[in-house]
Protein backbone atom coordinates (compact mmCIF):
# COMPACT_ATOMS: atom_id res chain seq x y z
CA MET A 1 9.18 80.98 149.92
CA GLU A 2 7.19 77.86 149.18
CA ASN A 3 8.48 77.68 145.58
CA LEU A 4 12.12 78.26 146.79
CA SER A 5 11.89 75.48 149.40
CA ALA A 6 10.40 73.07 146.84
CA PHE A 7 13.34 73.87 144.49
CA ALA A 8 15.87 73.36 147.32
CA TYR A 9 14.29 70.01 148.25
CA LEU A 10 14.43 69.00 144.64
CA ALA A 11 18.14 69.83 144.57
CA ALA A 12 18.69 67.82 147.69
CA ALA A 13 16.79 64.91 146.25
CA ILE A 14 19.04 65.03 143.07
CA CYS A 15 22.09 64.98 145.32
CA PHE A 16 20.77 61.93 147.11
CA ILE A 17 20.11 60.09 143.83
CA MET A 18 23.59 60.95 142.58
CA ALA A 19 25.02 59.82 145.95
CA LEU A 20 23.41 56.39 145.53
CA ARG A 21 24.84 56.25 142.04
CA GLY A 22 28.30 57.09 143.29
CA LEU A 23 28.13 54.52 146.05
CA SER A 24 27.61 51.73 143.51
CA SER A 25 31.31 51.63 142.73
CA PRO A 26 34.47 51.84 144.93
CA GLU A 27 36.04 54.37 142.52
CA THR A 28 33.14 56.84 142.90
CA ALA A 29 32.18 56.06 146.52
CA ARG A 30 33.99 59.09 147.96
CA ARG A 31 32.24 61.41 145.53
CA GLY A 32 28.92 59.69 146.33
CA ASN A 33 29.45 60.33 150.05
CA MET A 34 30.19 64.04 149.42
CA LEU A 35 27.04 64.39 147.29
CA GLY A 36 25.01 62.77 150.07
CA ILE A 37 26.46 65.23 152.61
CA ILE A 38 25.72 68.21 150.37
CA GLY A 39 22.18 67.00 149.77
CA MET A 40 21.55 66.57 153.58
CA VAL A 41 23.02 70.06 154.28
CA ILE A 42 20.64 71.58 151.69
CA ALA A 43 17.64 69.69 153.11
CA VAL A 44 18.42 70.70 156.75
CA LEU A 45 19.08 74.36 155.97
CA THR A 46 15.90 74.55 153.86
CA THR A 47 13.86 73.04 156.66
CA LEU A 48 15.39 75.51 159.17
CA ALA A 49 14.53 78.38 156.93
CA MET A 50 10.83 77.47 156.83
CA PRO A 51 8.62 80.13 158.50
CA ASN A 52 6.73 77.56 160.69
CA VAL A 53 9.84 76.76 162.70
CA LEU A 54 9.01 77.73 166.25
CA SER A 55 12.08 76.97 168.38
CA TYR A 56 15.58 77.26 166.97
CA GLU A 57 16.96 76.85 170.51
CA LEU A 58 15.40 73.40 170.87
CA ILE A 59 16.63 72.41 167.42
CA LEU A 60 20.14 73.68 168.18
CA ALA A 61 20.17 71.66 171.41
CA GLY A 62 19.19 68.51 169.48
CA ILE A 63 21.88 69.10 166.91
CA VAL A 64 24.54 69.65 169.60
CA ILE A 65 23.59 66.64 171.65
CA GLY A 66 23.01 64.30 168.68
CA GLY A 67 26.06 65.62 166.84
CA GLY A 68 28.27 65.26 169.89
CA ILE A 69 27.17 61.63 170.48
CA GLY A 70 27.61 60.83 166.78
CA THR A 71 31.06 62.34 166.73
CA VAL A 72 32.22 60.33 169.77
CA ILE A 73 30.83 57.11 168.23
CA ALA A 74 32.42 57.82 164.82
CA ARG A 75 35.79 58.48 166.40
CA LYS A 76 35.78 55.40 168.62
CA ILE A 77 33.98 52.80 166.50
CA GLU A 78 36.07 49.93 165.10
CA MET A 79 35.52 48.71 161.55
CA THR A 80 34.55 45.36 162.98
CA ALA A 81 31.69 46.91 164.84
CA LEU A 82 30.18 48.78 161.80
CA PRO A 83 27.49 46.13 161.22
CA GLN A 84 26.00 46.46 164.73
CA LEU A 85 26.42 50.23 164.56
CA VAL A 86 24.37 50.29 161.36
CA ALA A 87 21.72 48.06 163.04
CA ALA A 88 21.67 50.44 165.95
CA PHE A 89 21.22 53.48 163.73
CA HIS A 90 18.28 51.76 161.96
CA SER A 91 16.60 51.34 165.35
CA LEU A 92 16.95 55.09 165.95
CA VAL A 93 15.34 55.83 162.59
CA GLY A 94 12.45 53.59 163.43
CA ALA A 95 12.05 55.14 166.85
CA ALA A 96 12.12 58.64 165.28
CA ALA A 97 9.36 57.65 162.94
CA VAL A 98 7.19 56.54 165.78
CA PHE A 99 7.86 59.75 167.78
CA VAL A 100 7.12 62.01 164.83
CA ALA A 101 3.88 60.10 164.16
CA GLY A 102 2.93 60.50 167.76
CA ALA A 103 3.62 64.22 167.67
CA ALA A 104 1.52 64.58 164.56
CA PHE A 105 -1.32 62.55 166.07
CA TYR A 106 -1.47 64.56 169.35
CA ALA A 107 -0.96 67.95 167.65
CA PRO A 108 -2.38 67.67 164.16
CA GLU A 109 -2.96 71.47 163.89
CA ALA A 110 0.80 72.02 163.90
CA TYR A 111 1.10 69.83 160.83
CA ASN A 112 -1.97 71.11 159.00
CA ILE A 113 -3.64 67.66 158.91
CA GLY A 114 -6.78 68.53 160.85
CA GLU A 115 -7.72 68.84 164.42
CA SER A 116 -7.62 66.33 167.33
CA GLY A 117 -10.38 63.78 166.76
CA ASN A 118 -10.89 65.09 163.22
CA ILE A 119 -7.75 64.13 161.33
CA ALA A 120 -7.91 63.39 157.59
CA VAL A 121 -8.22 59.65 156.90
CA ALA A 122 -5.32 59.66 154.43
CA SER A 123 -3.10 61.29 157.09
CA LEU A 124 -4.14 58.76 159.65
CA LEU A 125 -3.29 55.85 157.23
CA GLU A 126 0.13 57.40 156.49
CA MET A 127 0.70 57.98 160.16
CA GLY A 128 -0.41 54.45 161.14
CA LEU A 129 1.74 52.78 158.47
CA GLY A 130 4.76 54.90 159.36
CA THR A 131 4.30 54.02 163.06
CA ALA A 132 3.96 50.27 162.38
CA ILE A 133 6.94 50.08 160.09
CA GLY A 134 8.96 52.32 162.46
CA ALA A 135 8.20 50.21 165.49
CA ILE A 136 9.03 46.96 163.64
CA THR A 137 12.27 48.52 162.49
CA PHE A 138 13.09 49.65 166.06
CA SER A 139 12.73 46.31 167.80
CA GLY A 140 14.01 44.22 164.88
CA SER A 141 17.10 46.31 164.65
CA LEU A 142 17.74 45.96 168.36
CA VAL A 143 17.64 42.17 167.96
CA ALA A 144 19.99 42.35 165.04
CA PHE A 145 22.32 44.62 167.02
CA GLY A 146 22.20 42.06 169.94
CA LYS A 147 23.01 39.10 167.68
CA LEU A 148 25.92 40.97 165.96
CA GLN A 149 27.25 42.30 169.20
CA GLY A 150 27.15 38.86 170.79
CA ILE A 151 24.56 39.87 173.45
CA PHE A 152 22.18 37.21 172.00
CA ARG A 153 23.27 33.98 170.45
CA SER A 154 23.48 34.05 166.65
CA ALA A 155 21.64 30.74 166.20
CA PRO A 156 17.98 30.94 165.10
CA VAL A 157 15.47 31.02 167.94
CA THR A 158 12.35 29.11 167.05
CA PHE A 159 9.32 27.64 168.81
CA ALA A 160 6.19 25.74 167.90
CA GLY A 161 3.54 27.86 166.08
CA GLN A 162 5.90 30.81 165.62
CA HIS A 163 4.89 31.60 162.07
CA LYS A 164 1.20 31.16 162.86
CA LEU A 165 1.66 33.66 165.70
CA ASN A 166 3.41 36.09 163.38
CA ALA A 167 0.59 35.76 160.83
CA LEU A 168 -1.94 36.32 163.55
CA LEU A 169 -0.18 39.43 164.80
CA GLY A 170 0.16 40.77 161.22
CA LEU A 171 -3.63 40.31 160.63
CA LEU A 172 -4.34 41.98 163.97
CA MET A 173 -2.10 44.83 162.97
CA ALA A 174 -4.06 45.41 159.72
CA VAL A 175 -7.31 45.41 161.71
CA LEU A 176 -5.94 47.93 164.17
CA LEU A 177 -4.78 50.18 161.29
CA VAL A 178 -8.29 50.21 159.89
CA TRP A 179 -9.80 50.82 163.30
CA PHE A 180 -7.29 53.64 163.93
CA CYS A 181 -8.42 55.39 160.75
CA MET A 182 -12.04 55.07 161.91
CA ASP A 183 -12.06 55.98 165.55
CA GLN A 184 -8.78 58.02 165.93
CA ASN A 185 -8.42 56.74 169.56
CA PRO A 186 -5.02 57.24 171.28
CA SER A 187 -5.29 53.78 172.81
CA THR A 188 -5.41 52.25 169.29
CA PHE A 189 -2.31 54.22 168.28
CA TRP A 190 -0.38 52.85 171.24
CA MET A 191 -1.72 49.37 170.63
CA ILE A 192 -0.26 49.59 167.09
CA VAL A 193 3.10 50.74 168.58
CA ILE A 194 3.23 47.83 171.06
CA LEU A 195 2.05 45.19 168.65
CA ALA A 196 4.51 46.30 165.95
CA THR A 197 7.33 46.35 168.44
CA VAL A 198 6.58 42.71 169.46
CA LEU A 199 6.21 41.69 165.83
CA GLY A 200 9.60 43.19 164.92
CA PHE A 201 11.22 41.12 167.70
CA LEU A 202 9.49 37.93 166.58
CA LEU A 203 10.45 38.48 162.92
CA ILE A 204 14.18 38.72 163.56
CA ILE A 205 14.87 36.18 166.32
CA PRO A 206 14.37 33.10 164.01
CA ILE A 207 16.97 34.40 161.55
CA GLY A 208 20.37 32.87 162.13
CA GLY A 209 23.86 34.46 161.94
CA ALA A 210 24.49 33.29 158.41
CA ASP A 211 21.62 35.44 157.11
CA MET A 212 22.29 38.48 159.38
CA PRO A 213 23.84 40.62 156.54
CA VAL A 214 20.55 40.28 154.67
CA VAL A 215 18.64 41.23 157.77
CA VAL A 216 20.75 44.43 158.26
CA SER A 217 19.99 45.38 154.55
CA MET A 218 16.34 44.57 154.92
CA LEU A 219 16.06 46.71 158.13
CA ASN A 220 17.74 49.50 156.21
CA SER A 221 14.85 49.24 153.74
CA TYR A 222 12.30 49.26 156.57
CA SER A 223 13.78 52.46 158.05
CA GLY A 224 13.48 54.10 154.65
CA TRP A 225 9.87 53.20 154.19
CA ALA A 226 9.09 54.41 157.76
CA ALA A 227 10.72 57.77 156.96
CA CYS A 228 8.78 57.93 153.64
CA GLY A 229 5.41 57.29 155.37
CA ILE A 230 6.10 60.03 157.92
CA GLY A 231 7.20 62.28 155.05
CA PHE A 232 3.71 62.05 153.64
CA THR A 233 2.19 62.91 157.02
CA LEU A 234 4.45 66.04 157.25
CA ALA A 235 4.00 66.82 153.54
CA ASN A 236 7.82 67.01 153.38
CA THR A 237 9.11 66.29 149.89
CA ALA A 238 12.70 65.75 150.92
CA LEU A 239 11.66 63.16 153.52
CA ILE A 240 9.41 61.39 151.09
CA VAL A 241 12.05 61.19 148.41
CA THR A 242 14.91 60.21 150.73
CA GLY A 243 12.80 57.59 152.47
CA ALA A 244 11.70 56.10 149.16
CA LEU A 245 15.33 56.00 147.91
CA VAL A 246 16.52 54.22 151.07
CA GLY A 247 13.61 51.90 151.13
CA ALA A 248 13.88 50.94 147.48
CA SER A 249 17.69 50.61 147.41
CA GLY A 250 17.63 48.54 150.64
CA ALA A 251 14.98 46.25 149.18
CA ILE A 252 16.94 45.77 145.93
CA LEU A 253 20.17 45.12 147.88
CA SER A 254 18.36 42.60 150.08
CA TYR A 255 17.02 40.84 146.99
CA ILE A 256 20.45 40.73 145.41
CA MET A 257 21.95 39.30 148.58
CA CYS A 258 19.24 36.73 148.95
CA LYS A 259 19.81 35.64 145.39
CA GLY A 260 23.57 35.46 146.08
CA MET A 261 22.93 33.25 149.09
CA ASN A 262 20.24 31.11 147.50
CA ARG A 263 17.73 32.41 150.06
CA SER A 264 14.10 33.42 149.57
CA ILE A 265 13.60 37.11 150.30
CA ILE A 266 9.96 36.35 151.25
CA ASN A 267 11.26 33.88 153.90
CA VAL A 268 13.57 36.54 155.35
CA ILE A 269 10.89 39.27 155.39
CA LEU A 270 8.48 36.87 157.07
CA GLY A 271 11.04 35.96 159.77
CA GLY A 272 12.65 32.88 158.21
CA PHE A 273 9.26 31.35 157.27
CA GLY A 274 9.62 27.68 156.56
CA GLY A 275 13.24 27.67 157.66
CA GLU A 276 12.98 25.52 160.81
CA ASP A 277 14.33 22.38 159.18
CA SER A 278 17.35 24.08 157.65
CA SER A 279 18.33 25.79 160.80
CA ALA A 280 18.02 22.82 163.11
CA GLY A 281 20.95 20.75 162.00
CA GLY A 282 24.59 21.29 161.30
CA ALA A 283 27.64 20.85 163.38
CA GLY A 284 26.76 23.63 165.74
CA GLY A 285 29.50 25.38 167.67
CA GLN A 286 31.24 22.26 168.71
CA VAL A 287 34.86 21.77 167.70
CA GLU A 288 35.48 18.41 166.04
CA ASP A 289 38.41 16.29 167.26
CA ARG A 290 39.83 15.42 163.81
CA PRO A 291 43.43 15.66 162.66
CA VAL A 292 44.41 18.75 160.59
CA LYS A 293 47.68 19.93 159.01
CA SER A 294 49.08 23.07 160.44
CA GLY A 295 52.01 25.20 159.35
CA SER A 296 53.89 28.41 160.18
CA ALA A 297 54.34 31.78 158.61
CA ALA A 298 57.61 30.64 157.03
CA ASP A 299 55.81 27.66 155.45
CA ALA A 300 53.12 29.91 154.00
CA ALA A 301 55.76 32.37 152.64
CA PHE A 302 57.70 29.55 150.92
CA ILE A 303 54.52 28.06 149.36
CA MET A 304 53.20 31.40 148.07
CA LYS A 305 56.53 32.70 146.82
CA ASN A 306 56.90 29.59 144.63
CA ALA A 307 53.41 29.78 143.23
CA SER A 308 52.42 31.44 139.98
CA SER A 309 48.98 32.56 141.21
CA VAL A 310 47.48 33.33 144.64
CA ILE A 311 43.89 34.24 145.43
CA ILE A 312 43.26 35.88 148.76
CA VAL A 313 39.86 35.44 150.45
CA PRO A 314 39.30 37.99 153.23
CA GLY A 315 36.68 37.51 155.92
CA TYR A 316 35.54 38.76 159.32
CA GLY A 317 38.74 37.45 160.95
CA MET A 318 40.74 39.93 158.87
CA ALA A 319 38.43 42.71 160.12
CA VAL A 320 38.75 41.71 163.76
CA ALA A 321 42.62 41.65 163.58
CA GLN A 322 42.72 44.84 161.42
CA ALA A 323 45.06 42.86 159.17
CA GLN A 324 44.18 44.59 155.87
CA HIS A 325 47.33 46.74 155.73
CA ALA A 326 49.71 43.80 156.49
CA LEU A 327 47.79 41.75 153.97
CA ARG A 328 48.32 44.31 151.28
CA GLU A 329 52.06 44.50 152.09
CA MET A 330 52.25 40.71 151.75
CA ALA A 331 50.48 40.86 148.45
CA ASP A 332 52.78 43.59 147.13
CA LEU A 333 55.83 41.37 148.00
CA LEU A 334 54.25 38.48 146.17
CA LYS A 335 53.62 40.60 143.07
CA GLU A 336 57.29 41.71 143.15
CA GLU A 337 58.14 38.00 142.97
CA GLY A 338 56.06 37.69 139.85
CA VAL A 339 53.05 35.99 141.54
CA LYS A 340 49.58 36.95 140.17
CA VAL A 341 47.51 38.12 143.17
CA ARG A 342 43.80 38.64 143.28
CA TYR A 343 41.13 39.03 146.00
CA ALA A 344 37.89 37.01 146.01
CA ILE A 345 34.90 38.65 147.82
CA HIS A 346 31.76 36.78 148.79
CA PRO A 347 28.59 38.87 148.75
CA VAL A 348 28.12 38.38 152.50
CA ALA A 349 31.75 38.24 153.66
CA GLY A 350 31.94 40.05 156.99
CA ARG A 351 28.67 41.00 158.62
CA MET A 352 27.29 43.63 156.29
CA PRO A 353 27.27 44.27 152.47
CA GLY A 354 30.60 45.69 151.28
CA HIS A 355 32.40 45.09 154.60
CA MET A 356 35.49 43.54 152.98
CA ASN A 357 35.56 45.97 150.08
CA VAL A 358 35.73 48.94 152.53
CA LEU A 359 38.53 47.34 154.49
CA LEU A 360 40.60 46.63 151.33
CA ALA A 361 39.96 50.08 149.93
CA GLU A 362 41.21 51.48 153.30
CA ALA A 363 44.51 49.54 152.70
CA SER A 364 44.69 50.98 149.10
CA VAL A 365 44.22 47.63 147.42
CA PRO A 366 43.74 48.18 143.65
CA TYR A 367 40.10 47.96 142.71
CA ASP A 368 40.82 45.83 139.68
CA GLU A 369 42.35 43.09 141.86
CA VAL A 370 39.13 42.69 143.90
CA LEU A 371 36.61 40.36 142.30
CA GLU A 372 33.17 39.19 143.28
CA LEU A 373 32.12 35.52 143.61
CA GLU A 374 30.66 35.13 140.20
CA GLU A 375 33.72 36.75 138.51
CA ILE A 376 36.40 34.54 140.16
CA ASN A 377 34.78 31.28 141.32
CA ARG A 378 35.65 29.38 138.17
CA ASP A 379 39.30 30.27 138.58
CA PHE A 380 39.93 28.43 141.85
CA ALA A 381 40.43 25.08 140.07
CA GLN A 382 43.34 26.63 138.11
CA THR A 383 44.86 28.43 141.08
CA GLU A 384 47.90 27.06 142.90
CA VAL A 385 47.39 28.74 146.26
CA VAL A 386 44.36 30.22 148.02
CA PHE A 387 45.04 32.29 151.19
CA VAL A 388 41.89 32.40 153.31
CA ILE A 389 42.12 34.98 156.12
CA GLY A 390 39.23 34.52 158.49
CA ALA A 391 36.48 33.75 155.98
CA ASN A 392 34.74 30.74 157.47
CA ASP A 393 31.12 30.16 156.44
CA VAL A 394 31.57 31.57 152.92
CA THR A 395 34.19 28.86 152.11
CA ASN A 396 32.52 25.93 153.81
CA PRO A 397 31.86 22.99 151.43
CA ALA A 398 29.08 21.87 153.73
CA ALA A 399 26.91 24.41 152.02
CA LYS A 400 26.87 22.06 149.06
CA THR A 401 26.64 18.63 150.74
CA ASP A 402 24.97 18.94 154.17
CA LYS A 403 21.26 19.34 153.79
CA ALA A 404 20.91 19.70 157.61
CA SER A 405 23.24 22.65 157.70
CA PRO A 406 21.90 26.20 158.19
CA ILE A 407 24.11 27.35 155.28
CA TYR A 408 22.94 24.62 152.87
CA GLY A 409 22.25 25.98 149.41
CA MET A 410 24.32 29.17 149.95
CA PRO A 411 26.73 29.75 147.08
CA ILE A 412 30.26 29.63 148.46
CA LEU A 413 33.74 30.41 147.15
CA ASP A 414 35.11 27.17 145.70
CA VAL A 415 38.43 27.45 147.45
CA GLU A 416 38.62 23.71 148.05
CA LYS A 417 39.27 23.20 144.30
CA ALA A 418 42.70 25.01 144.53
CA GLN A 419 45.91 23.02 144.68
CA GLN A 420 46.81 24.38 148.13
CA VAL A 421 44.60 26.19 150.66
CA LEU A 422 46.28 28.26 153.47
CA PHE A 423 43.65 28.99 156.10
CA VAL A 424 44.47 31.71 158.75
CA LYS A 425 42.41 31.25 161.94
CA ARG A 426 42.91 31.64 165.64
CA GLY A 427 41.54 28.20 166.37
CA MET A 428 39.18 25.45 165.27
CA ALA A 429 35.92 27.08 166.39
CA ALA A 430 32.93 27.14 164.12
CA GLY A 431 31.97 30.28 162.18
CA TYR A 432 29.26 32.80 162.88
CA ALA A 433 26.60 30.45 161.51
CA GLY A 434 27.66 27.82 164.11
CA VAL A 435 28.86 25.31 161.50
CA GLN A 436 32.22 23.52 161.50
CA ASN A 437 34.17 24.08 158.27
CA GLU A 438 34.85 20.86 156.43
CA LEU A 439 37.63 22.71 154.57
CA PHE A 440 39.86 22.50 157.66
CA PHE A 441 40.17 18.73 157.32
CA ARG A 442 40.92 18.48 153.62
CA ASP A 443 44.22 17.05 152.45
CA ASN A 444 45.06 20.22 150.46
CA THR A 445 44.44 22.56 153.47
CA MET A 446 47.16 23.87 155.83
CA MET A 447 45.91 25.65 158.91
CA LEU A 448 47.86 28.79 160.05
CA PHE A 449 46.83 29.27 163.61
CA GLY A 450 47.17 32.71 165.09
CA ASP A 451 46.12 36.36 164.89
CA ALA A 452 45.57 37.29 161.30
CA LYS A 453 47.62 40.45 161.42
CA HIS A 454 50.52 38.77 163.22
CA MET A 455 50.47 35.93 160.70
CA CYS A 456 50.58 38.27 157.72
CA GLU A 457 53.40 40.30 159.35
CA GLY A 458 55.23 37.01 159.98
CA ILE A 459 54.81 36.00 156.30
CA VAL A 460 56.17 39.42 155.23
CA LYS A 461 59.27 39.00 157.40
CA ALA A 462 59.82 35.43 156.02
CA MET A 463 59.52 36.76 152.48
CA GLU A 464 62.06 39.61 153.12
């Protein structure tokens, strides 16, 4: 039975690896999801078939309750709320790691890692690390959820001596882990849980809204490493492999996103270390009283129909309005008029990696028309019209010029270089990073005020 379960776990691990490979491209993402589901089914069934399972009734109750809650959430959740949903799920993974570690610590005989008060040191270290990372993931993900949901303000929250306090807590955490391995005291275990929970909170609050997509990716990595640590405690191959895959892939994605935003991943991991100056300035959420040019759907339709090339820049505003289908219909009409249409995607457009890609794929936008920043940025200067639909911070020229801005240094889409910019927005409010967009006031920008979906539908009617 042991050899059979090892083979089944290996098969599940291969499915997970192939799932990650499939998710690397929109064309193969559906297949990747299916492979991931197959791998998880194999892993769960293999675990249920193990002879040391004591209560199928309790497991079934957990599956029914958890599955029921998950089904309700999946059916009701809007695409715009996916980032905060992901953050909330990460918090649950962190909490699960803490609970499993607690169960193993209080009942080590059930996990074959020793007896109470006489647990193997290696198991204690794995347990302690899994607990610490899990608790940090739990509280940090709750803060990220609160910022994305609007419960907390998205601006960085900083105070004097913040990083020194974080460093002191980190050092104390290391001391507690060593002491836990030596004395195996329950009080030490719970001190680690409390300290890690506080540290997770303090690490995320100084990170502003502009960097929140990186935080979500980083917390995904943390949740993976927490699961991996507990996998060693349980001697569960599937959990070790799965956790390592999630942890490594999340870390790589976080690094790629930090590089794309000109951010230091070390700073993000350490809670925005050294970022006080860059987060203190900027225009904030105030609306500037400066004149702008505004137009209508009919104006936009006329301008785009008479252009030879149009680049569409989707952002969170498109997601909020669920405008992707109307946008694709508008693009199809433009292509019928002989206009070259492409989509430009910033690495952190929306509020989580791939947010815009998923929405455009849902509207059946051809993959070859969707281009990343580095592929299309040089083309803006030769483009007649850029149609920006709710993408605020990622098009803001202040990222290049305003050293006091929280987005300074972040690579942006160079839409201001186009001959004409059409900017769809409900009003003049600042973006998620709390910075007013200088693009609104440029001579080549026409603001199209209104709901993104209604504006696209109005443009479609004007074209027809």
